Amino acid sequence: MAVTPEHKCFVCDKANVHRLGVHNCPDVRVLIDEGLAAYTPEGRLMRPDGGALPRGVLGGGVAKALRDEHASSSTLKGKGQEECDPPPHMATIVGLQSHGRDLFDDNVYGVSSLSAM
């Protein structure tokens, strides 16, 4: 008796849950709704930016790979940044030179002008 190989969906990595094919996998609609995948005008499933889909991972397929990437990129956003006041606290550093020499030394913290040029 011959053993038939198990065919799994490359998106959800499940066997015998739905007919094989991208258009039959219920996870595809969820990935599109989550903004992790999109169809091209030609009908190919790609990343929303048009890039190729990642290789699937065992126990989850392409859907798990996309969700894992999204989760890891979301947890990295904002790392190393502290809450701070809005922009008025930011400094702009400029220099002014005449004939190749600095006109201000390191102890000048602000300059203003009474008239605009």
PDB file of N, CA and C in Angstrom:
ATOM      1  N   MET A   1       0.842  -1.174   0.000  1.00  0.00           N
ATOM      2  CA  MET A   1       0.000   0.000   0.000  1.00  0.00           C
ATOM      3  C   MET A   1       0.890   1.241   0.000  1.00  0.00           C
ATOM      4  N   ALA A   2       0.684   2.080  -0.962  1.00  0.00           N
ATOM      5  CA  ALA A   2       1.490   3.284  -1.109  1.00  0.00           C
ATOM      6  C   ALA A   2       0.983   4.379  -0.179  1.00  0.00           C
ATOM      7  N   VAL A   3       1.924   5.071   0.404  1.00  0.00           N
ATOM      8  CA  VAL A   3       1.575   6.183   1.286  1.00  0.00           C
ATOM      9  C   VAL A   3       1.572   7.453   0.440  1.00  0.00           C
ATOM     10  N   THR A   4       0.456   8.162   0.488  1.00  0.00           N
ATOM     11  CA  THR A   4       0.392   9.409  -0.264  1.00  0.00           C
ATOM     12  C   THR A   4       0.996  10.529   0.578  1.00  0.00           C
ATOM     13  N   PRO A   5       1.793  11.358  -0.033  1.00  0.00           N
ATOM     14  CA  PRO A   5       2.414  12.444   0.730  1.00  0.00           C
ATOM     15  C   PRO A   5       1.361  13.453   1.192  1.00  0.00           C
ATOM     16  N   GLU A   6       1.646  14.023   2.342  1.00  0.00           N
ATOM     17  CA  GLU A   6       0.737  15.028   2.892  1.00  0.00           C
ATOM     18  C   GLU A   6       1.032  16.367   2.226  1.00  0.00           C
ATOM     19  N   HIS A   7       0.037  16.991   1.662  1.00  0.00           N
ATOM     20  CA  HIS A   7       0.209  18.289   1.013  1.00  0.00           C
ATOM     21  C   HIS A   7      -0.312  19.367   1.951  1.00  0.00           C
ATOM     22  N   LYS A   8       0.579  20.282   2.305  1.00  0.00           N
ATOM     23  CA  LYS A   8       0.210  21.362   3.213  1.00  0.00           C
ATOM     24  C   LYS A   8       0.143  22.673   2.451  1.00  0.00           C
ATOM     25  N   CYS A   9      -0.718  23.553   2.940  1.00  0.00           N
ATOM     26  CA  CYS A   9      -0.812  24.910   2.403  1.00  0.00           C
ATOM     27  C   CYS A   9       0.448  25.668   2.809  1.00  0.00           C
ATOM     28  N   PHE A  10       1.079  26.352   1.865  1.00  0.00           N
ATOM     29  CA  PHE A  10       2.308  27.073   2.201  1.00  0.00           C
ATOM     30  C   PHE A  10       2.028  28.334   3.011  1.00  0.00           C
ATOM     31  N   VAL A  11       0.790  28.812   3.013  1.00  0.00           N
ATOM     32  CA  VAL A  11       0.466  30.022   3.779  1.00  0.00           C
ATOM     33  C   VAL A  11       0.217  29.681   5.239  1.00  0.00           C
ATOM     34  N   CYS A  12      -0.702  28.744   5.507  1.00  0.00           N
ATOM     35  CA  CYS A  12      -1.059  28.429   6.899  1.00  0.00           C
ATOM     36  C   CYS A  12      -0.354  27.187   7.430  1.00  0.00           C
ATOM     37  N   ASP A  13       0.304  26.431   6.561  1.00  0.00           N
ATOM     38  CA  ASP A  13       1.038  25.215   6.931  1.00  0.00           C
ATOM     39  C   ASP A  13       0.130  24.131   7.501  1.00  0.00           C
ATOM     40  N   LYS A  14      -1.114  24.096   7.060  1.00  0.00           N
ATOM     41  CA  LYS A  14      -2.061  23.074   7.515  1.00  0.00           C
ATOM     42  C   LYS A  14      -2.390  22.139   6.362  1.00  0.00           C
ATOM     43  N   ALA A  15      -2.636  20.901   6.719  1.00  0.00           N
ATOM     44  CA  ALA A  15      -2.997  19.900   5.718  1.00  0.00           C
ATOM     45  C   ALA A  15      -4.466  19.535   5.877  1.00  0.00           C
ATOM     46  N   ASN A  16      -5.124  19.350   4.770  1.00  0.00           N
ATOM     47  CA  ASN A  16      -6.511  18.861   4.747  1.00  0.00           C
ATOM     48  C   ASN A  16      -7.498  19.760   5.492  1.00  0.00           C
ATOM     49  N   VAL A  17      -7.212  21.039   5.589  1.00  0.00           N
ATOM     50  CA  VAL A  17      -8.135  21.973   6.232  1.00  0.00           C
ATOM     51  C   VAL A  17      -8.948  22.699   5.165  1.00  0.00           C
ATOM     52  N   HIS A  18      -8.331  22.993   4.058  1.00  0.00           N
ATOM     53  CA  HIS A  18      -8.997  23.653   2.942  1.00  0.00           C
ATOM     54  C   HIS A  18      -8.344  23.166   1.659  1.00  0.00           C
ATOM     55  N   ARG A  19      -8.964  23.450   0.542  1.00  0.00           N
ATOM     56  CA  ARG A  19      -8.344  23.109  -0.739  1.00  0.00           C
ATOM     57  C   ARG A  19      -7.049  23.889  -0.876  1.00  0.00           C
ATOM     58  N   LEU A  20      -6.057  23.263  -1.465  1.00  0.00           N
ATOM     59  CA  LEU A  20      -4.783  23.947  -1.647  1.00  0.00           C
ATOM     60  C   LEU A  20      -4.925  25.073  -2.660  1.00  0.00           C
ATOM     61  N   GLY A  21      -4.157  26.114  -2.450  1.00  0.00           N
ATOM     62  CA  GLY A  21      -4.180  27.276  -3.325  1.00  0.00           C
ATOM     63  C   GLY A  21      -4.345  28.535  -2.503  1.00  0.00           C
ATOM     64  N   VAL A  22      -3.629  29.563  -2.899  1.00  0.00           N
ATOM     65  CA  VAL A  22      -3.649  30.829  -2.162  1.00  0.00           C
ATOM     66  C   VAL A  22      -5.060  31.383  -2.024  1.00  0.00           C
ATOM     67  N   HIS A  23      -5.848  31.257  -3.067  1.00  0.00           N
ATOM     68  CA  HIS A  23      -7.191  31.831  -3.046  1.00  0.00           C
ATOM     69  C   HIS A  23      -8.149  31.052  -2.148  1.00  0.00           C
ATOM     70  N   ASN A  24      -7.749  29.866  -1.714  1.00  0.00           N
ATOM     71  CA  ASN A  24      -8.607  29.044  -0.855  1.00  0.00           C
ATOM     72  C   ASN A  24      -8.234  29.121   0.617  1.00  0.00           C
ATOM     73  N   CYS A  25      -7.103  29.674   0.938  1.00  0.00           N
ATOM     74  CA  CYS A  25      -6.643  29.719   2.324  1.00  0.00           C
ATOM     75  C   CYS A  25      -7.301  30.883   3.061  1.00  0.00           C
ATOM     76  N   PRO A  26      -8.005  30.601   4.155  1.00  0.00           N
ATOM     77  CA  PRO A  26      -8.646  31.688   4.910  1.00  0.00           C
ATOM     78  C   PRO A  26      -7.637  32.643   5.567  1.00  0.00           C
ATOM     79  N   ASP A  27      -6.421  32.179   5.810  1.00  0.00           N
ATOM     80  CA  ASP A  27      -5.414  33.060   6.418  1.00  0.00           C
ATOM     81  C   ASP A  27      -4.994  34.193   5.482  1.00  0.00           C
ATOM     82  N   VAL A  28      -5.138  33.996   4.177  1.00  0.00           N
ATOM     83  CA  VAL A  28      -4.755  35.040   3.224  1.00  0.00           C
ATOM     84  C   VAL A  28      -5.600  36.289   3.451  1.00  0.00           C
ATOM     85  N   ARG A  29      -6.897  36.130   3.590  1.00  0.00           N
ATOM     86  CA  ARG A  29      -7.787  37.279   3.816  1.00  0.00           C
ATOM     87  C   ARG A  29      -7.395  37.984   5.116  1.00  0.00           C
ATOM     88  N   VAL A  30      -7.067  37.222   6.150  1.00  0.00           N
ATOM     89  CA  VAL A  30      -6.677  37.805   7.433  1.00  0.00           C
ATOM     90  C   VAL A  30      -5.354  38.574   7.290  1.00  0.00           C
ATOM     91  N   LEU A  31      -4.388  38.001   6.571  1.00  0.00           N
ATOM     92  CA  LEU A  31      -3.113  38.690   6.352  1.00  0.00           C
ATOM     93  C   LEU A  31      -3.315  40.007   5.604  1.00  0.00           C
ATOM     94  N   ILE A  32      -4.213  39.993   4.627  1.00  0.00           N
ATOM     95  CA  ILE A  32      -4.510  41.222   3.873  1.00  0.00           C
ATOM     96  C   ILE A  32      -5.167  42.249   4.787  1.00  0.00           C
ATOM     97  N   ASP A  33      -6.125  41.797   5.603  1.00  0.00           N
ATOM     98  CA  ASP A  33      -6.787  42.710   6.542  1.00  0.00           C
ATOM     99  C   ASP A  33      -5.808  43.279   7.570  1.00  0.00           C
ATOM    100  N   GLU A  34      -4.809  42.496   7.957  1.00  0.00           N
ATOM    101  CA  GLU A  34      -3.799  42.953   8.916  1.00  0.00           C
ATOM    102  C   GLU A  34      -2.743  43.843   8.263  1.00  0.00           C
ATOM    103  N   GLY A  35      -2.797  43.976   6.940  1.00  0.00           N
ATOM    104  CA  GLY A  35      -1.826  44.799   6.233  1.00  0.00           C
ATOM    105  C   GLY A  35      -0.479  44.127   6.037  1.00  0.00           C
ATOM    106  N   LEU A  36      -0.436  42.795   6.141  1.00  0.00           N
ATOM    107  CA  LEU A  36       0.820  42.072   6.014  1.00  0.00           C
ATOM    108  C   LEU A  36       1.029  41.486   4.623  1.00  0.00           C
ATOM    109  N   ALA A  37      -0.020  41.448   3.814  1.00  0.00           N
ATOM    110  CA  ALA A  37       0.076  40.904   2.459  1.00  0.00           C
ATOM    111  C   ALA A  37      -0.921  41.633   1.575  1.00  0.00           C
ATOM    112  N   ALA A  38      -0.715  41.516   0.276  1.00  0.00           N
ATOM    113  CA  ALA A  38      -1.620  42.148  -0.692  1.00  0.00           C
ATOM    114  C   ALA A  38      -1.494  41.415  -2.024  1.00  0.00           C
ATOM    115  N   TYR A  39      -2.536  41.504  -2.817  1.00  0.00           N
ATOM    116  CA  TYR A  39      -2.492  40.960  -4.173  1.00  0.00           C
ATOM    117  C   TYR A  39      -1.976  42.042  -5.113  1.00  0.00           C
ATOM    118  N   THR A  40      -1.143  41.639  -6.056  1.00  0.00           N
ATOM    119  CA  THR A  40      -0.710  42.550  -7.106  1.00  0.00           C
ATOM    120  C   THR A  40      -1.826  42.637  -8.138  1.00  0.00           C
ATOM    121  N   PRO A  41      -1.782  43.603  -9.040  1.00  0.00           N
ATOM    122  CA  PRO A  41      -2.803  43.664 -10.094  1.00  0.00           C
ATOM    123  C   PRO A  41      -2.849  42.380 -10.937  1.00  0.00           C
ATOM    124  N   GLU A  42      -1.734  41.649 -10.975  1.00  0.00           N
ATOM    125  CA  GLU A  42      -1.698  40.395 -11.729  1.00  0.00           C
ATOM    126  C   GLU A  42      -2.259  39.230 -10.933  1.00  0.00           C
ATOM    127  N   GLY A  43      -2.619  39.451  -9.667  1.00  0.00           N
ATOM    128  CA  GLY A  43      -3.207  38.396  -8.851  1.00  0.00           C
ATOM    129  C   GLY A  43      -2.218  37.603  -8.021  1.00  0.00           C
ATOM    130  N   ARG A  44      -0.966  38.063  -7.929  1.00  0.00           N
ATOM    131  CA  ARG A  44       0.032  37.382  -7.099  1.00  0.00           C
ATOM    132  C   ARG A  44      -0.034  37.900  -5.681  1.00  0.00           C
ATOM    133  N   LEU A  45       0.131  37.007  -4.723  1.00  0.00           N
ATOM    134  CA  LEU A  45       0.181  37.394  -3.323  1.00  0.00           C
ATOM    135  C   LEU A  45       1.604  37.824  -2.992  1.00  0.00           C
ATOM    136  N   MET A  46       1.754  39.032  -2.492  1.00  0.00           N
ATOM    137  CA  MET A  46       3.072  39.607  -2.189  1.00  0.00           C
ATOM    138  C   MET A  46       2.977  40.371  -0.866  1.00  0.00           C
ATOM    139  N   ARG A  47       4.099  40.940  -0.467  1.00  0.00           N
ATOM    140  CA  ARG A  47       4.077  41.890   0.652  1.00  0.00           C
ATOM    141  C   ARG A  47       3.380  43.153   0.146  1.00  0.00           C
ATOM    142  N   PRO A  48       2.851  43.974   1.042  1.00  0.00           N
ATOM    143  CA  PRO A  48       2.165  45.195   0.596  1.00  0.00           C
ATOM    144  C   PRO A  48       3.044  46.130  -0.232  1.00  0.00           C
ATOM    145  N   ASP A  49       4.370  46.113   0.008  1.00  0.00           N
ATOM    146  CA  ASP A  49       5.275  46.974  -0.760  1.00  0.00           C
ATOM    147  C   ASP A  49       5.708  46.348  -2.081  1.00  0.00           C
ATOM    148  N   GLY A  50       5.168  45.168  -2.401  1.00  0.00           N
ATOM    149  CA  GLY A  50       5.499  44.495  -3.650  1.00  0.00           C
ATOM    150  C   GLY A  50       6.639  43.507  -3.527  1.00  0.00           C
ATOM    151  N   GLY A  51       7.224  43.392  -2.347  1.00  0.00           N
ATOM    152  CA  GLY A  51       8.321  42.451  -2.130  1.00  0.00           C
ATOM    153  C   GLY A  51       7.820  41.020  -2.050  1.00  0.00           C
ATOM    154  N   ALA A  52       8.742  40.102  -2.225  1.00  0.00           N
ATOM    155  CA  ALA A  52       8.403  38.685  -2.171  1.00  0.00           C
ATOM    156  C   ALA A  52       8.030  38.265  -0.752  1.00  0.00           C
ATOM    157  N   LEU A  53       7.175  37.283  -0.657  1.00  0.00           N
ATOM    158  CA  LEU A  53       6.800  36.739   0.644  1.00  0.00           C
ATOM    159  C   LEU A  53       7.996  35.996   1.245  1.00  0.00           C
ATOM    160  N   PRO A  54       8.078  35.951   2.569  1.00  0.00           N
ATOM    161  CA  PRO A  54       9.178  35.196   3.183  1.00  0.00           C
ATOM    162  C   PRO A  54       8.916  33.701   3.046  1.00  0.00           C
ATOM    163  N   ARG A  55       9.947  32.919   3.252  1.00  0.00           N
ATOM    164  CA  ARG A  55       9.748  31.472   3.295  1.00  0.00           C
ATOM    165  C   ARG A  55       8.959  31.152   4.550  1.00  0.00           C
ATOM    166  N   GLY A  56       8.100  30.179   4.437  1.00  0.00           N
ATOM    167  CA  GLY A  56       7.296  29.776   5.587  1.00  0.00           C
ATOM    168  C   GLY A  56       8.145  29.114   6.657  1.00  0.00           C
ATOM    169  N   VAL A  57       7.669  29.160   7.873  1.00  0.00           N
ATOM    170  CA  VAL A  57       8.342  28.489   8.982  1.00  0.00           C
ATOM    171  C   VAL A  57       7.529  27.261   9.363  1.00  0.00           C
ATOM    172  N   LEU A  58       8.199  26.270   9.901  1.00  0.00           N
ATOM    173  CA  LEU A  58       7.496  25.069  10.325  1.00  0.00           C
ATOM    174  C   LEU A  58       6.502  25.424  11.412  1.00  0.00           C
ATOM    175  N   GLY A  59       5.322  24.866  11.294  1.00  0.00           N
ATOM    176  CA  GLY A  59       4.304  25.116  12.295  1.00  0.00           C
ATOM    177  C   GLY A  59       3.586  26.437  12.107  1.00  0.00           C
ATOM    178  N   GLY A  60       3.549  26.963  10.900  1.00  0.00           N
ATOM    179  CA  GLY A  60       2.838  28.206  10.701  1.00  0.00           C
ATOM    180  C   GLY A  60       2.902  28.754   9.296  1.00  0.00           C
ATOM    181  N   GLY A  61       3.830  28.295   8.500  1.00  0.00           N
ATOM    182  CA  GLY A  61       3.922  28.726   7.119  1.00  0.00           C
ATOM    183  C   GLY A  61       4.249  30.196   6.961  1.00  0.00           C
ATOM    184  N   VAL A  62       3.890  30.741   5.799  1.00  0.00           N
ATOM    185  CA  VAL A  62       4.155  32.138   5.471  1.00  0.00           C
ATOM    186  C   VAL A  62       3.415  33.067   6.431  1.00  0.00           C
ATOM    187  N   ALA A  63       2.210  32.678   6.840  1.00  0.00           N
ATOM    188  CA  ALA A  63       1.435  33.523   7.758  1.00  0.00           C
ATOM    189  C   ALA A  63       2.194  33.749   9.059  1.00  0.00           C
ATOM    190  N   LYS A  64       2.749  32.698   9.616  1.00  0.00           N
ATOM    191  CA  LYS A  64       3.505  32.840  10.868  1.00  0.00           C
ATOM    192  C   LYS A  64       4.763  33.665  10.643  1.00  0.00           C
ATOM    193  N   ALA A  65       5.456  33.447   9.529  1.00  0.00           N
ATOM    194  CA  ALA A  65       6.671  34.214   9.247  1.00  0.00           C
ATOM    195  C   ALA A  65       6.358  35.702   9.150  1.00  0.00           C
ATOM    196  N   LEU A  66       5.280  36.066   8.456  1.00  0.00           N
ATOM    197  CA  LEU A  66       4.900  37.480   8.332  1.00  0.00           C
ATOM    198  C   LEU A  66       4.519  38.072   9.680  1.00  0.00           C
ATOM    199  N   ARG A  67       3.767  37.321  10.472  1.00  0.00           N
ATOM    200  CA  ARG A  67       3.357  37.831  11.790  1.00  0.00           C
ATOM    201  C   ARG A  67       4.552  37.959  12.730  1.00  0.00           C
ATOM    202  N   ASP A  68       5.477  37.005  12.666  1.00  0.00           N
ATOM    203  CA  ASP A  68       6.674  37.091  13.505  1.00  0.00           C
ATOM    204  C   ASP A  68       7.518  38.304  13.134  1.00  0.00           C
ATOM    205  N   GLU A  69       7.690  38.549  11.828  1.00  0.00           N
ATOM    206  CA  GLU A  69       8.441  39.730  11.373  1.00  0.00           C
ATOM    207  C   GLU A  69       7.777  41.007  11.862  1.00  0.00           C
ATOM    208  N   HIS A  70       6.453  41.064  11.718  1.00  0.00           N
ATOM    209  CA  HIS A  70       5.723  42.266  12.129  1.00  0.00           C
ATOM    210  C   HIS A  70       5.844  42.478  13.636  1.00  0.00           C
ATOM    211  N   ALA A  71       5.720  41.396  14.405  1.00  0.00           N
ATOM    212  CA  ALA A  71       5.810  41.515  15.865  1.00  0.00           C
ATOM    213  C   ALA A  71       7.195  41.982  16.284  1.00  0.00           C
ATOM    214  N   SER A  72       8.238  41.446  15.658  1.00  0.00           N
ATOM    215  CA  SER A  72       9.588  41.845  16.056  1.00  0.00           C
ATOM    216  C   SER A  72       9.884  43.280  15.637  1.00  0.00           C
ATOM    217  N   SER A  73       9.371  43.714  14.486  1.00  0.00           N
ATOM    218  CA  SER A  73       9.608  45.104  14.079  1.00  0.00           C
ATOM    219  C   SER A  73       8.790  46.062  14.933  1.00  0.00           C
ATOM    220  N   SER A  74       7.605  45.654  15.382  1.00  0.00           N
ATOM    221  CA  SER A  74       6.780  46.515  16.231  1.00  0.00           C
ATOM    222  C   SER A  74       7.396  46.686  17.608  1.00  0.00           C
ATOM    223  N   THR A  75       8.022  45.635  18.137  1.00  0.00           N
ATOM    224  CA  THR A  75       8.617  45.754  19.470  1.00  0.00           C
ATOM    225  C   THR A  75       9.884  46.585  19.434  1.00  0.00           C
ATOM    226  N   LEU A  76      10.523  46.710  18.263  1.00  0.00           N
ATOM    227  CA  LEU A  76      11.741  47.517  18.160  1.00  0.00           C
ATOM    228  C   LEU A  76      11.451  48.995  17.964  1.00  0.00           C
ATOM    229  N   LYS A  77      10.256  49.329  17.518  1.00  0.00           N
ATOM    230  CA  LYS A  77       9.936  50.735  17.277  1.00  0.00           C
ATOM    231  C   LYS A  77       9.975  51.502  18.589  1.00  0.00           C
ATOM    232  N   GLY A  78      10.681  52.590  18.580  1.00  0.00           N
ATOM    233  CA  GLY A  78      10.733  53.446  19.755  1.00  0.00           C
ATOM    234  C   GLY A  78      11.769  53.032  20.773  1.00  0.00           C
ATOM    235  N   LYS A  79      12.506  51.949  20.540  1.00  0.00           N
ATOM    236  CA  LYS A  79      13.517  51.532  21.509  1.00  0.00           C
ATOM    237  C   LYS A  79      14.606  52.592  21.575  1.00  0.00           C
ATOM    238  N   GLY A  80      15.026  52.906  22.781  1.00  0.00           N
ATOM    239  CA  GLY A  80      16.085  53.878  22.959  1.00  0.00           C
ATOM    240  C   GLY A  80      15.595  55.315  22.948  1.00  0.00           C
ATOM    241  N   GLN A  81      14.305  55.491  22.756  1.00  0.00           N
ATOM    242  CA  GLN A  81      13.765  56.839  22.751  1.00  0.00           C
ATOM    243  C   GLN A  81      13.020  57.076  24.055  1.00  0.00           C
ATOM    244  N   GLU A  82      13.272  58.187  24.680  1.00  0.00           N
ATOM    245  CA  GLU A  82      12.588  58.530  25.913  1.00  0.00           C
ATOM    246  C   GLU A  82      11.495  59.541  25.607  1.00  0.00           C
ATOM    247  N   GLU A  83      10.490  59.564  26.452  1.00  0.00           N
ATOM    248  CA  GLU A  83       9.452  60.572  26.319  1.00  0.00           C
ATOM    249  C   GLU A  83      10.072  61.932  26.593  1.00  0.00           C
ATOM    250  N   CYS A  84       9.777  62.906  25.776  1.00  0.00           N
ATOM    251  CA  CYS A  84      10.337  64.237  25.995  1.00  0.00           C
ATOM    252  C   CYS A  84       9.331  65.288  25.549  1.00  0.00           C
ATOM    253  N   ASP A  85       9.640  66.508  25.877  1.00  0.00           N
ATOM    254  CA  ASP A  85       8.780  67.625  25.514  1.00  0.00           C
ATOM    255  C   ASP A  85       8.794  67.837  24.008  1.00  0.00           C
ATOM    256  N   PRO A  86       7.804  68.543  23.483  1.00  0.00           N
ATOM    257  CA  PRO A  86       7.801  68.832  22.048  1.00  0.00           C
ATOM    258  C   PRO A  86       8.982  69.700  21.616  1.00  0.00           C
ATOM    259  N   PRO A  87       9.179  69.912  20.340  1.00  0.00           N
ATOM    260  CA  PRO A  87      10.361  70.505  19.750  1.00  0.00           C
ATOM    261  C   PRO A  87      11.000  71.761  20.331  1.00  0.00           C
ATOM    262  N   PRO A  88      10.366  72.656  21.060  1.00  0.00           N
ATOM    263  CA  PRO A  88      11.108  73.848  21.487  1.00  0.00           C
ATOM    264  C   PRO A  88      12.386  73.550  22.267  1.00  0.00           C
ATOM    265  N   HIS A  89      12.518  72.376  22.851  1.00  0.00           N
ATOM    266  CA  HIS A  89      13.733  72.051  23.604  1.00  0.00           C
ATOM    267  C   HIS A  89      14.902  71.696  22.688  1.00  0.00           C
ATOM    268  N   MET A  90      14.617  71.460  21.412  1.00  0.00           N
ATOM    269  CA  MET A  90      15.675  71.044  20.497  1.00  0.00           C
ATOM    270  C   MET A  90      16.577  72.217  20.138  1.00  0.00           C
ATOM    271  N   ALA A  91      17.843  71.918  20.013  1.00  0.00           N
ATOM    272  CA  ALA A  91      18.809  72.955  19.664  1.00  0.00           C
ATOM    273  C   ALA A  91      19.221  72.794  18.203  1.00  0.00           C
ATOM    274  N   THR A  92      19.449  73.899  17.567  1.00  0.00           N
ATOM    275  CA  THR A  92      20.006  73.903  16.225  1.00  0.00           C
ATOM    276  C   THR A  92      21.403  74.495  16.323  1.00  0.00           C
ATOM    277  N   ILE A  93      22.358  73.753  15.859  1.00  0.00           N
ATOM    278  CA  ILE A  93      23.737  74.204  15.959  1.00  0.00           C
ATOM    279  C   ILE A  93      24.175  74.714  14.591  1.00  0.00           C
ATOM    280  N   VAL A  94      24.616  75.960  14.575  1.00  0.00           N
ATOM    281  CA  VAL A  94      25.113  76.561  13.338  1.00  0.00           C
ATOM    282  C   VAL A  94      26.438  77.249  13.641  1.00  0.00           C
ATOM    283  N   GLY A  95      27.164  77.495  12.627  1.00  0.00           N
ATOM    284  CA  GLY A  95      28.411  78.228  12.775  1.00  0.00           C
ATOM    285  C   GLY A  95      28.439  79.367  11.774  1.00  0.00           C
ATOM    286  N   LEU A  96      29.251  80.347  12.055  1.00  0.00           N
ATOM    287  CA  LEU A  96      29.396  81.470  11.144  1.00  0.00           C
ATOM    288  C   LEU A  96      30.885  81.706  10.956  1.00  0.00           C
ATOM    289  N   GLN A  97      31.279  81.758   9.701  1.00  0.00           N
ATOM    290  CA  GLN A  97      32.688  81.950   9.404  1.00  0.00           C
ATOM    291  C   GLN A  97      32.873  83.154   8.495  1.00  0.00           C
ATOM    292  N   SER A  98      34.033  83.759   8.610  1.00  0.00           N
ATOM    293  CA  SER A  98      34.436  84.835   7.721  1.00  0.00           C
ATOM    294  C   SER A  98      35.882  84.582   7.344  1.00  0.00           C
ATOM    295  N   HIS A  99      36.160  84.516   6.056  1.00  0.00           N
ATOM    296  CA  HIS A  99      37.501  84.246   5.553  1.00  0.00           C
ATOM    297  C   HIS A  99      38.077  82.952   6.141  1.00  0.00           C
ATOM    298  N   GLY A 100      37.198  81.920   6.304  1.00  0.00           N
ATOM    299  CA  GLY A 100      37.645  80.617   6.771  1.00  0.00           C
ATOM    300  C   GLY A 100      37.873  80.502   8.266  1.00  0.00           C
ATOM    301  N   ARG A 101      37.499  81.536   9.032  1.00  0.00           N
ATOM    302  CA  ARG A 101      37.694  81.498  10.481  1.00  0.00           C
ATOM    303  C   ARG A 101      36.349  81.597  11.174  1.00  0.00           C
ATOM    304  N   ASP A 102      36.191  80.841  12.274  1.00  0.00           N
ATOM    305  CA  ASP A 102      34.964  80.901  13.061  1.00  0.00           C
ATOM    306  C   ASP A 102      34.836  82.265  13.726  1.00  0.00           C
ATOM    307  N   LEU A 103      33.606  82.846  13.651  1.00  0.00           N
ATOM    308  CA  LEU A 103      33.365  84.133  14.306  1.00  0.00           C
ATOM    309  C   LEU A 103      32.898  83.959  15.750  1.00  0.00           C
ATOM    310  N   PHE A 104      32.393  82.777  16.084  1.00  0.00           N
ATOM    311  CA  PHE A 104      31.932  82.508  17.449  1.00  0.00           C
ATOM    312  C   PHE A 104      32.798  81.418  18.052  1.00  0.00           C
ATOM    313  N   ASP A 105      33.085  81.549  19.360  1.00  0.00           N
ATOM    314  CA  ASP A 105      33.809  80.471  20.027  1.00  0.00           C
ATOM    315  C   ASP A 105      32.798  79.501  20.636  1.00  0.00           C
ATOM    316  N   ASP A 106      33.267  78.513  21.353  1.00  0.00           N
ATOM    317  CA  ASP A 106      32.403  77.465  21.903  1.00  0.00           C
ATOM    318  C   ASP A 106      31.479  77.955  23.017  1.00  0.00           C
ATOM    319  N   ASN A 107      31.659  79.176  23.504  1.00  0.00           N
ATOM    320  CA  ASN A 107      30.844  79.664  24.608  1.00  0.00           C
ATOM    321  C   ASN A 107      29.643  80.478  24.152  1.00  0.00           C
ATOM    322  N   VAL A 108      29.376  80.573  22.863  1.00  0.00           N
ATOM    323  CA  VAL A 108      28.218  81.310  22.367  1.00  0.00           C
ATOM    324  C   VAL A 108      27.047  80.342  22.293  1.00  0.00           C
ATOM    325  N   TYR A 109      25.960  80.678  22.992  1.00  0.00           N
ATOM    326  CA  TYR A 109      24.798  79.791  23.054  1.00  0.00           C
ATOM    327  C   TYR A 109      23.603  80.328  22.292  1.00  0.00           C
ATOM    328  N   GLY A 110      23.591  81.546  21.912  1.00  0.00           N
ATOM    329  CA  GLY A 110      22.460  82.099  21.174  1.00  0.00           C
ATOM    330  C   GLY A 110      22.819  83.393  20.500  1.00  0.00           C
ATOM    331  N   VAL A 111      22.200  83.644  19.366  1.00  0.00           N
ATOM    332  CA  VAL A 111      22.419  84.868  18.617  1.00  0.00           C
ATOM    333  C   VAL A 111      21.058  85.328  18.143  1.00  0.00           C
ATOM    334  N   SER A 112      20.820  86.606  18.158  1.00  0.00           N
ATOM    335  CA  SER A 112      19.558  87.135  17.613  1.00  0.00           C
ATOM    336  C   SER A 112      19.850  88.377  16.800  1.00  0.00           C
ATOM    337  N   SER A 113      18.870  88.735  16.017  1.00  0.00           N
ATOM    338  CA  SER A 113      19.014  89.908  15.165  1.00  0.00           C
ATOM    339  C   SER A 113      17.776  90.762  15.328  1.00  0.00           C
ATOM    340  N   LEU A 114      17.946  92.083  15.307  1.00  0.00           N
ATOM    341  CA  LEU A 114      16.801  92.965  15.416  1.00  0.00           C
ATOM    342  C   LEU A 114      16.050  93.090  14.104  1.00  0.00           C
ATOM    343  N   SER A 115      16.729  92.889  13.011  1.00  0.00           N
ATOM    344  CA  SER A 115      16.061  93.036  11.714  1.00  0.00           C
ATOM    345  C   SER A 115      16.340  91.801  10.854  1.00  0.00           C
ATOM    346  N   ALA A 116      15.423  91.520   9.984  1.00  0.00           N
ATOM    347  CA  ALA A 116      15.596  90.400   9.054  1.00  0.00           C
ATOM    348  C   ALA A 116      16.178  90.922   7.768  1.00  0.00           C
ATOM    349  N   MET A 117      16.996  90.155   7.131  1.00  0.00           N
ATOM    350  CA  MET A 117      17.614  90.577   5.878  1.00  0.00           C
ATOM    351  C   MET A 117      16.745  90.171   4.726  1.00  0.00           C
TER     352      MET A 117
END
